[in-house]
Protein backbone atom coordinates (compact mmCIF):
# COMPACT_ATOMS: atom_id res chain seq x y z
CA MET A 1 -0.34 0.23 -0.28
CA VAL A 2 2.92 2.37 0.78
CA ILE A 3 5.04 1.37 -2.44
CA ALA A 4 1.59 2.16 -4.43
CA LEU A 5 1.10 5.74 -2.81
CA VAL A 6 4.99 6.36 -2.83
CA SER A 7 5.57 5.74 -6.24
CA PRO A 8 3.81 7.94 -8.18
CA SER A 9 4.37 10.68 -5.94
CA THR A 10 8.26 9.91 -6.40
CA ALA A 11 7.69 10.07 -10.09
CA LEU A 12 5.01 13.08 -10.25
CA LEU A 13 7.84 15.06 -8.34
CA SER A 14 10.86 14.05 -10.60
CA SER A 15 8.44 15.16 -13.38
CA ILE A 16 7.88 18.28 -12.00
CA TYR A 17 11.18 18.53 -11.17
CA TYR A 18 13.42 17.57 -14.38
CA ASN A 19 10.43 20.49 -16.20
CA VAL A 20 11.18 23.19 -14.30
CA TYR A 21 15.21 22.27 -14.92
CA GLN A 22 14.59 21.58 -18.66
CA PHE A 23 12.42 25.30 -19.16
CA LEU A 24 15.07 26.98 -17.21
CA ALA A 25 18.14 25.36 -19.64
CA ASN A 26 16.10 26.19 -22.54
CA SER A 27 15.19 29.89 -21.23
CA ARG A 28 19.28 30.19 -21.33
CA LEU A 29 19.94 28.59 -24.43
CA ASN A 30 17.58 30.67 -26.14
CA ASN A 31 19.01 33.82 -23.99
CA ASN A 32 22.24 32.79 -25.87
CA ASN A 33 21.33 31.71 -28.94
CA ILE A 34 20.05 35.84 -29.04
CA LYS A 35 23.64 37.13 -27.65
CA PHE A 36 25.62 34.88 -30.07
CA ARG A 37 23.30 36.40 -33.01
CA TYR A 38 23.99 39.81 -31.59
CA ILE A 39 27.31 39.73 -31.97
CA LYS A 40 27.59 37.63 -35.40
CA ALA A 41 25.02 40.23 -36.91
CA PHE A 42 26.95 43.16 -35.63
CA GLY A 43 30.68 41.32 -36.65
CA GLU A 44 32.63 42.53 -33.30
CA ILE A 45 32.40 42.97 -29.76
CA THR A 46 34.03 44.88 -27.04
CA ALA A 47 34.54 44.31 -23.08
CA GLU A 48 31.94 46.99 -22.92
CA ASN A 49 29.37 45.78 -25.22
CA LEU A 50 29.77 42.22 -23.52
CA LEU A 51 28.99 43.44 -20.07
CA LYS A 52 25.73 44.70 -21.23
CA LEU A 53 24.66 41.85 -22.65
CA LYS A 54 25.10 39.71 -19.38
CA ILE A 55 23.95 42.62 -17.80
CA PHE A 56 20.68 42.45 -19.53
CA PHE A 57 20.27 38.92 -19.75
CA GLU A 58 21.35 37.66 -16.60
CA TYR A 59 22.58 40.17 -13.87
CA GLU A 60 19.82 42.25 -14.09
CA PRO A 61 16.84 41.07 -16.69
CA ASP A 62 15.02 43.42 -18.53
CA LYS A 63 12.59 41.74 -20.61
CA GLN A 64 11.83 45.22 -22.88
CA LYS A 65 15.65 45.29 -23.57
CA GLN A 66 16.33 41.55 -24.68
CA ARG A 67 13.11 42.29 -26.56
CA SER A 68 14.94 45.12 -28.35
CA LEU A 69 17.78 42.90 -28.68
CA ARG A 70 16.01 40.06 -30.55
CA LYS A 71 13.94 42.34 -32.90
CA MET A 72 17.49 44.03 -33.44
CA VAL A 73 18.73 40.78 -34.57
CA ASP A 74 15.60 39.37 -36.54
CA GLU A 75 15.53 42.64 -38.89
CA HIS A 76 19.21 41.96 -39.41
CA LYS A 77 18.31 38.75 -40.05
CA GLN A 78 15.83 39.66 -42.76
CA ARG A 79 17.83 42.04 -44.20
CA ALA A 80 20.83 39.71 -45.28
CA ARG A 81 18.10 37.57 -46.12
CA ASP A 82 16.53 40.23 -48.46
CA LEU A 83 20.30 41.04 -50.03
CA GLU A 84 21.21 37.27 -50.78
CA GLN A 85 18.59 37.16 -52.29
CA THR A 86 18.49 40.22 -54.40
CA ARG A 87 22.50 39.10 -54.79
CA LEU A 88 21.32 35.87 -56.42
CA LYS A 89 18.40 37.13 -58.36
CA GLU A 90 21.63 39.65 -60.17
CA ALA A 91 23.92 36.62 -60.76
CA GLN A 92 21.25 34.86 -62.34
CA ALA A 93 20.55 37.84 -64.42
CA ASP A 94 23.92 38.22 -66.11
CA GLN A 95 24.17 34.16 -66.61
CA LEU A 96 21.09 35.04 -69.29
């Protein structure tokens, strides 16, 4: 009887713990992805900019600034994609 109560309770608590751990890990990885894409988009990083990123995401999380950085990175990615498509179309037009 005791085993029938303890086993599901242990499984439930373990599942909840793992889900919380996975959520936090995914959030951290997503933030690291945005930081990496920001650095890649703007070509270089200084110690000041790196510290600023760490502050925005880790030390003093600021959701508004995080959204702003995500928006900047996404806009840069879209511009790069558009430029690449334009370059490919020009190359195809030159071939014809």
